């Protein structure tokens, strides 16, 4: 059986190469590109993102928005999509970080900033235990630990889109899933064995 070709969309993100390297390590055939035609020809798509929501959204719209349209068409065609950190946040219509920047609008809800609380450092950085949500956790074992670096988190409008939850001052959504779409607020490429296992399942499914 031939290996599925995974496109890693280049949004100018700092975690781009580490995501591609992690996917290669689990046996995937990977191409990194900002070219809409390359994305369109892939079997599976990973969209990583670090930095600001608005900057990543702007990269989707560079050169007339061909990459944004390619991502939307890819998802609409039912092909497997994995968004990481801001790549996952882009599945929503907007973020409190840059309200003027449009997301993809695939999932209802929005991206919110952690509320300021005494003793709560923002950004949230470190390892958190996750729990499975209504969307069944995409095969992740209940209680698995993953590595987070973020100030904003997804707030899905539909409880059934929540795949994993965790807690930082209050419970929040750590991963989303619906049909062919999956996304994590944490960084699987930085999450050692648990993260590589998640990427391996995506690559081989």
C-alpha atoms as a PDB file:
ATOM      1  CA  UNK A   1       0.000   0.000   0.000  1.00  0.00           C
ATOM      2  CA  UNK A   2       1.416   3.395  -0.974  1.00  0.00           C
ATOM      3  CA  UNK A   3       2.104   6.010   1.693  1.00  0.00           C
ATOM      4  CA  UNK A   4      -0.312   8.918   1.867  1.00  0.00           C
ATOM      5  CA  UNK A   5       1.267  12.228   0.930  1.00  0.00           C
ATOM      6  CA  UNK A   6       0.827  14.851   3.641  1.00  0.00           C
ATOM      7  CA  UNK A   7       1.088  18.547   2.817  1.00  0.00           C
ATOM      8  CA  UNK A   8       2.214  20.826   5.640  1.00  0.00           C
ATOM      9  CA  UNK A   9       0.897  24.279   4.795  1.00  0.00           C
ATOM     10  CA  UNK A  10       3.541  26.979   5.129  1.00  0.00           C
ATOM     11  CA  UNK A  11       2.027  29.940   6.994  1.00  0.00           C
ATOM     12  CA  UNK A  12       5.442  31.249   7.993  1.00  0.00           C
ATOM     13  CA  UNK A  13       5.110  29.639  11.406  1.00  0.00           C
ATOM     14  CA  UNK A  14       7.962  28.894  13.779  1.00  0.00           C
ATOM     15  CA  UNK A  15       6.813  25.315  14.361  1.00  0.00           C
ATOM     16  CA  UNK A  16       6.633  24.473  10.650  1.00  0.00           C
ATOM     17  CA  UNK A  17       9.870  22.490  10.375  1.00  0.00           C
ATOM     18  CA  UNK A  18       9.456  20.676  13.680  1.00  0.00           C
ATOM     19  CA  UNK A  19       5.983  19.518  12.610  1.00  0.00           C
ATOM     20  CA  UNK A  20       7.320  18.280   9.265  1.00  0.00           C
ATOM     21  CA  UNK A  21      10.225  16.528  11.005  1.00  0.00           C
ATOM     22  CA  UNK A  22       7.884  14.812  13.481  1.00  0.00           C
ATOM     23  CA  UNK A  23       5.625  13.586  10.675  1.00  0.00           C
ATOM     24  CA  UNK A  24       8.629  12.239   8.777  1.00  0.00           C
ATOM     25  CA  UNK A  25       9.768  10.482  11.957  1.00  0.00           C
ATOM     26  CA  UNK A  26       6.488   8.544  12.098  1.00  0.00           C
ATOM     27  CA  UNK A  27       6.870   7.413   8.488  1.00  0.00           C
ATOM     28  CA  UNK A  28       4.852   9.990   6.574  1.00  0.00           C
ATOM     29  CA  UNK A  29       5.730  11.307   3.134  1.00  0.00           C
ATOM     30  CA  UNK A  30       5.757  15.061   3.733  1.00  0.00           C
ATOM     31  CA  UNK A  31       5.858  18.122   1.507  1.00  0.00           C
ATOM     32  CA  UNK A  32       6.048  21.631   3.014  1.00  0.00           C
ATOM     33  CA  UNK A  33       4.539  24.307   0.802  1.00  0.00           C
ATOM     34  CA  UNK A  34       2.582  27.554   0.602  1.00  0.00           C
ATOM     35  CA  UNK A  35       1.519  26.655  -2.953  1.00  0.00           C
ATOM     36  CA  UNK A  36      -2.240  26.125  -3.240  1.00  0.00           C
ATOM     37  CA  UNK A  37      -1.767  23.577  -6.045  1.00  0.00           C
ATOM     38  CA  UNK A  38       0.562  21.456  -3.893  1.00  0.00           C
ATOM     39  CA  UNK A  39      -1.983  21.515  -1.074  1.00  0.00           C
ATOM     40  CA  UNK A  40      -4.763  20.542  -3.458  1.00  0.00           C
ATOM     41  CA  UNK A  41      -2.850  17.482  -4.672  1.00  0.00           C
ATOM     42  CA  UNK A  42      -2.061  16.113  -1.207  1.00  0.00           C
ATOM     43  CA  UNK A  43      -3.901  13.205   0.412  1.00  0.00           C
ATOM     44  CA  UNK A  44      -3.875  14.796   3.865  1.00  0.00           C
ATOM     45  CA  UNK A  45      -3.252  18.307   5.145  1.00  0.00           C
ATOM     46  CA  UNK A  46      -1.586  19.630   8.294  1.00  0.00           C
ATOM     47  CA  UNK A  47      -1.785  23.349   9.092  1.00  0.00           C
ATOM     48  CA  UNK A  48       0.590  24.359  11.891  1.00  0.00           C
ATOM     49  CA  UNK A  49       0.708  27.834  13.377  1.00  0.00           C
ATOM     50  CA  UNK A  50       2.530  29.870  15.998  1.00  0.00           C
ATOM     51  CA  UNK A  51       2.602  33.578  16.738  1.00  0.00           C
ATOM     52  CA  UNK A  52      -0.526  35.635  16.115  1.00  0.00           C
ATOM     53  CA  UNK A  53      -3.894  34.566  14.704  1.00  0.00           C
ATOM     54  CA  UNK A  54      -3.979  37.590  12.391  1.00  0.00           C
ATOM     55  CA  UNK A  55      -0.553  36.898  10.911  1.00  0.00           C
ATOM     56  CA  UNK A  56      -1.455  33.280  10.111  1.00  0.00           C
ATOM     57  CA  UNK A  57      -4.793  34.341   8.599  1.00  0.00           C
ATOM     58  CA  UNK A  58      -2.941  36.896   6.446  1.00  0.00           C
ATOM     59  CA  UNK A  59      -0.683  34.150   5.096  1.00  0.00           C
ATOM     60  CA  UNK A  60      -3.776  32.255   3.939  1.00  0.00           C
ATOM     61  CA  UNK A  61      -4.792  35.358   1.981  1.00  0.00           C
ATOM     62  CA  UNK A  62      -1.396  36.168   0.483  1.00  0.00           C
ATOM     63  CA  UNK A  63      -1.436  36.424  -3.310  1.00  0.00           C
ATOM     64  CA  UNK A  64      -5.190  36.708  -3.621  1.00  0.00           C
ATOM     65  CA  UNK A  65      -6.262  34.042  -1.153  1.00  0.00           C
ATOM     66  CA  UNK A  66      -5.513  30.932  -3.236  1.00  0.00           C
ATOM     67  CA  UNK A  67      -4.156  29.067  -0.212  1.00  0.00           C
ATOM     68  CA  UNK A  68      -7.232  29.895   1.881  1.00  0.00           C
ATOM     69  CA  UNK A  69      -9.472  28.581  -0.889  1.00  0.00           C
ATOM     70  CA  UNK A  70      -7.347  25.462  -1.305  1.00  0.00           C
ATOM     71  CA  UNK A  71      -7.663  24.690   2.425  1.00  0.00           C
ATOM     72  CA  UNK A  72     -11.429  25.277   2.347  1.00  0.00           C
ATOM     73  CA  UNK A  73     -11.808  23.056  -0.721  1.00  0.00           C
ATOM     74  CA  UNK A  74      -9.644  20.362   0.866  1.00  0.00           C
ATOM     75  CA  UNK A  75     -11.851  20.231   3.955  1.00  0.00           C
ATOM     76  CA  UNK A  76     -15.071  20.416   1.937  1.00  0.00           C
ATOM     77  CA  UNK A  77     -13.907  17.419  -0.118  1.00  0.00           C
ATOM     78  CA  UNK A  78     -13.778  15.317   3.064  1.00  0.00           C
ATOM     79  CA  UNK A  79     -10.028  14.796   3.088  1.00  0.00           C
ATOM     80  CA  UNK A  80      -8.177  14.483   6.424  1.00  0.00           C
ATOM     81  CA  UNK A  81      -7.181  17.815   8.015  1.00  0.00           C
ATOM     82  CA  UNK A  82      -5.077  18.371  11.157  1.00  0.00           C
ATOM     83  CA  UNK A  83      -4.681  21.877  12.573  1.00  0.00           C
ATOM     84  CA  UNK A  84      -2.037  22.549  15.236  1.00  0.00           C
ATOM     85  CA  UNK A  85      -2.162  25.488  17.678  1.00  0.00           C
ATOM     86  CA  UNK A  86      -3.142  28.534  15.576  1.00  0.00           C
ATOM     87  CA  UNK A  87      -3.693  26.138  12.670  1.00  0.00           C
ATOM     88  CA  UNK A  88      -6.505  24.706  14.792  1.00  0.00           C
ATOM     89  CA  UNK A  89      -7.735  28.153  15.889  1.00  0.00           C
ATOM     90  CA  UNK A  90      -8.136  29.101  12.216  1.00  0.00           C
ATOM     91  CA  UNK A  91     -10.950  26.539  11.964  1.00  0.00           C
ATOM     92  CA  UNK A  92     -13.116  29.091  13.787  1.00  0.00           C
ATOM     93  CA  UNK A  93     -14.455  32.339  12.381  1.00  0.00           C
ATOM     94  CA  UNK A  94     -12.568  34.756  14.600  1.00  0.00           C
ATOM     95  CA  UNK A  95     -10.243  35.223  17.555  1.00  0.00           C
ATOM     96  CA  UNK A  96     -10.172  37.764  20.351  1.00  0.00           C
ATOM     97  CA  UNK A  97      -6.478  38.173  19.531  1.00  0.00           C
ATOM     98  CA  UNK A  98      -7.170  39.817  16.160  1.00  0.00           C
ATOM     99  CA  UNK A  99     -10.960  40.267  15.812  1.00  0.00           C
ATOM    100  CA  UNK A 100     -10.638  41.832  12.373  1.00  0.00           C
ATOM    101  CA  UNK A 101      -8.858  38.786  10.905  1.00  0.00           C
ATOM    102  CA  UNK A 102     -11.169  36.154   9.388  1.00  0.00           C
ATOM    103  CA  UNK A 103     -10.649  32.506  10.198  1.00  0.00           C
ATOM    104  CA  UNK A 104     -11.896  29.672   8.018  1.00  0.00           C
ATOM    105  CA  UNK A 105     -15.306  29.445   9.691  1.00  0.00           C
ATOM    106  CA  UNK A 106     -15.397  25.643   9.562  1.00  0.00           C
ATOM    107  CA  UNK A 107     -16.462  25.211  13.186  1.00  0.00           C
ATOM    108  CA  UNK A 108     -18.927  27.470  15.019  1.00  0.00           C
ATOM    109  CA  UNK A 109     -17.514  29.241  18.029  1.00  0.00           C
ATOM    110  CA  UNK A 110     -14.588  31.547  18.581  1.00  0.00           C
ATOM    111  CA  UNK A 111     -11.104  31.758  20.042  1.00  0.00           C
ATOM    112  CA  UNK A 112     -10.837  33.427  23.440  1.00  0.00           C
ATOM    113  CA  UNK A 113      -8.046  34.774  25.636  1.00  0.00           C
ATOM    114  CA  UNK A 114      -7.435  33.321  29.065  1.00  0.00           C
ATOM    115  CA  UNK A 115      -8.995  35.511  31.739  1.00  0.00           C
ATOM    116  CA  UNK A 116      -6.545  37.268  34.032  1.00  0.00           C
ATOM    117  CA  UNK A 117      -6.549  35.501  37.391  1.00  0.00           C
ATOM    118  CA  UNK A 118      -4.235  35.879  40.407  1.00  0.00           C
ATOM    119  CA  UNK A 119      -1.335  33.453  40.109  1.00  0.00           C
ATOM    120  CA  UNK A 120      -2.207  32.474  36.520  1.00  0.00           C
ATOM    121  CA  UNK A 121       0.644  33.172  34.114  1.00  0.00           C
ATOM    122  CA  UNK A 122      -0.216  34.036  30.521  1.00  0.00           C
ATOM    123  CA  UNK A 123       0.880  32.581  28.170  1.00  0.00           C
ATOM    124  CA  UNK A 124       0.140  29.125  29.477  1.00  0.00           C
ATOM    125  CA  UNK A 125       3.284  27.053  28.963  1.00  0.00           C
ATOM    126  CA  UNK A 126       3.894  23.460  29.979  1.00  0.00           C
ATOM    127  CA  UNK A 127       2.507  19.946  30.192  1.00  0.00           C
ATOM    128  CA  UNK A 128      -1.180  19.349  30.885  1.00  0.00           C
ATOM    129  CA  UNK A 129      -3.202  16.200  31.422  1.00  0.00           C
ATOM    130  CA  UNK A 130      -6.102  15.905  28.968  1.00  0.00           C
ATOM    131  CA  UNK A 131      -9.487  14.215  29.248  1.00  0.00           C
ATOM    132  CA  UNK A 132     -11.590  12.812  26.433  1.00  0.00           C
ATOM    133  CA  UNK A 133     -14.534  14.919  25.294  1.00  0.00           C
ATOM    134  CA  UNK A 134     -17.780  14.149  23.432  1.00  0.00           C
ATOM    135  CA  UNK A 135     -15.924  13.873  20.101  1.00  0.00           C
ATOM    136  CA  UNK A 136     -14.145  10.773  21.480  1.00  0.00           C
ATOM    137  CA  UNK A 137     -10.636  12.217  21.635  1.00  0.00           C
ATOM    138  CA  UNK A 138      -9.452  10.880  18.268  1.00  0.00           C
ATOM    139  CA  UNK A 139      -8.076   7.751  19.893  1.00  0.00           C
ATOM    140  CA  UNK A 140      -6.127   9.585  22.617  1.00  0.00           C
ATOM    141  CA  UNK A 141      -6.034   7.748  25.949  1.00  0.00           C
ATOM    142  CA  UNK A 142      -7.834   9.466  28.801  1.00  0.00           C
ATOM    143  CA  UNK A 143      -5.275  11.267  30.956  1.00  0.00           C
ATOM    144  CA  UNK A 144      -2.601  11.696  28.253  1.00  0.00           C
ATOM    145  CA  UNK A 145      -0.211  14.630  28.744  1.00  0.00           C
ATOM    146  CA  UNK A 146       0.585  17.136  25.990  1.00  0.00           C
ATOM    147  CA  UNK A 147       2.685  20.290  25.755  1.00  0.00           C
ATOM    148  CA  UNK A 148       0.992  23.695  25.470  1.00  0.00           C
ATOM    149  CA  UNK A 149       2.261  27.203  24.650  1.00  0.00           C
ATOM    150  CA  UNK A 150      -0.592  29.696  24.179  1.00  0.00           C
ATOM    151  CA  UNK A 151      -2.571  32.668  25.464  1.00  0.00           C
ATOM    152  CA  UNK A 152      -5.768  31.893  23.532  1.00  0.00           C
ATOM    153  CA  UNK A 153      -7.917  28.776  23.377  1.00  0.00           C
ATOM    154  CA  UNK A 154     -10.849  27.477  21.288  1.00  0.00           C
ATOM    155  CA  UNK A 155     -14.395  27.861  22.571  1.00  0.00           C
ATOM    156  CA  UNK A 156     -16.564  25.683  20.295  1.00  0.00           C
ATOM    157  CA  UNK A 157     -20.267  26.516  20.103  1.00  0.00           C
ATOM    158  CA  UNK A 158     -21.109  22.795  19.870  1.00  0.00           C
ATOM    159  CA  UNK A 159     -20.111  20.545  22.757  1.00  0.00           C
ATOM    160  CA  UNK A 160     -19.946  17.608  20.351  1.00  0.00           C
ATOM    161  CA  UNK A 161     -16.969  19.215  18.564  1.00  0.00           C
ATOM    162  CA  UNK A 162     -14.819  18.973  21.712  1.00  0.00           C
ATOM    163  CA  UNK A 163     -12.372  16.067  21.432  1.00  0.00           C
ATOM    164  CA  UNK A 164     -10.151  16.748  24.446  1.00  0.00           C
ATOM    165  CA  UNK A 165     -10.302  19.070  27.428  1.00  0.00           C
ATOM    166  CA  UNK A 166      -7.821  20.219  30.043  1.00  0.00           C
ATOM    167  CA  UNK A 167      -7.630  22.855  32.765  1.00  0.00           C
ATOM    168  CA  UNK A 168      -5.711  26.095  33.260  1.00  0.00           C
ATOM    169  CA  UNK A 169      -7.451  28.203  35.849  1.00  0.00           C
ATOM    170  CA  UNK A 170     -10.678  26.793  34.410  1.00  0.00           C
ATOM    171  CA  UNK A 171     -11.538  23.947  32.031  1.00  0.00           C
ATOM    172  CA  UNK A 172     -10.984  24.624  28.339  1.00  0.00           C
ATOM    173  CA  UNK A 173     -11.085  22.782  25.022  1.00  0.00           C
ATOM    174  CA  UNK A 174      -7.700  21.266  24.113  1.00  0.00           C
ATOM    175  CA  UNK A 175      -8.689  19.581  20.833  1.00  0.00           C
ATOM    176  CA  UNK A 176     -11.576  19.620  18.377  1.00  0.00           C
ATOM    177  CA  UNK A 177     -12.903  17.005  15.965  1.00  0.00           C
ATOM    178  CA  UNK A 178     -15.713  16.818  13.445  1.00  0.00           C
ATOM    179  CA  UNK A 179     -15.953  14.538  10.413  1.00  0.00           C
ATOM    180  CA  UNK A 180     -12.597  14.795   8.573  1.00  0.00           C
ATOM    181  CA  UNK A 181     -11.342  17.737  10.664  1.00  0.00           C
ATOM    182  CA  UNK A 182      -9.150  17.460  13.748  1.00  0.00           C
ATOM    183  CA  UNK A 183      -7.192  20.117  15.609  1.00  0.00           C
ATOM    184  CA  UNK A 184      -5.175  20.504  18.791  1.00  0.00           C
ATOM    185  CA  UNK A 185      -4.352  23.551  20.870  1.00  0.00           C
ATOM    186  CA  UNK A 186      -1.280  21.718  22.159  1.00  0.00           C
ATOM    187  CA  UNK A 187       1.811  20.896  20.121  1.00  0.00           C
ATOM    188  CA  UNK A 188       2.013  17.179  19.310  1.00  0.00           C
ATOM    189  CA  UNK A 189       5.454  17.731  17.756  1.00  0.00           C
ATOM    190  CA  UNK A 190       6.695  18.842  21.210  1.00  0.00           C
ATOM    191  CA  UNK A 191       4.765  16.242  23.198  1.00  0.00           C
ATOM    192  CA  UNK A 192       7.181  13.316  22.969  1.00  0.00           C
ATOM    193  CA  UNK A 193       5.662   9.807  22.726  1.00  0.00           C
ATOM    194  CA  UNK A 194       2.009  10.872  23.126  1.00  0.00           C
ATOM    195  CA  UNK A 195       2.336  13.514  20.432  1.00  0.00           C
ATOM    196  CA  UNK A 196       4.151  11.250  18.006  1.00  0.00           C
ATOM    197  CA  UNK A 197       1.495   8.578  18.542  1.00  0.00           C
ATOM    198  CA  UNK A 198      -1.197  11.094  17.614  1.00  0.00           C
ATOM    199  CA  UNK A 199       0.676  12.146  14.460  1.00  0.00           C
ATOM    200  CA  UNK A 200       1.282   8.500  13.556  1.00  0.00           C
ATOM    201  CA  UNK A 201      -2.428   7.718  13.777  1.00  0.00           C
ATOM    202  CA  UNK A 202      -3.231  10.669  11.531  1.00  0.00           C
ATOM    203  CA  UNK A 203      -0.565   9.705   9.001  1.00  0.00           C
ATOM    204  CA  UNK A 204      -1.553   6.046   8.821  1.00  0.00           C
ATOM    205  CA  UNK A 205      -5.346   6.278   9.067  1.00  0.00           C
END
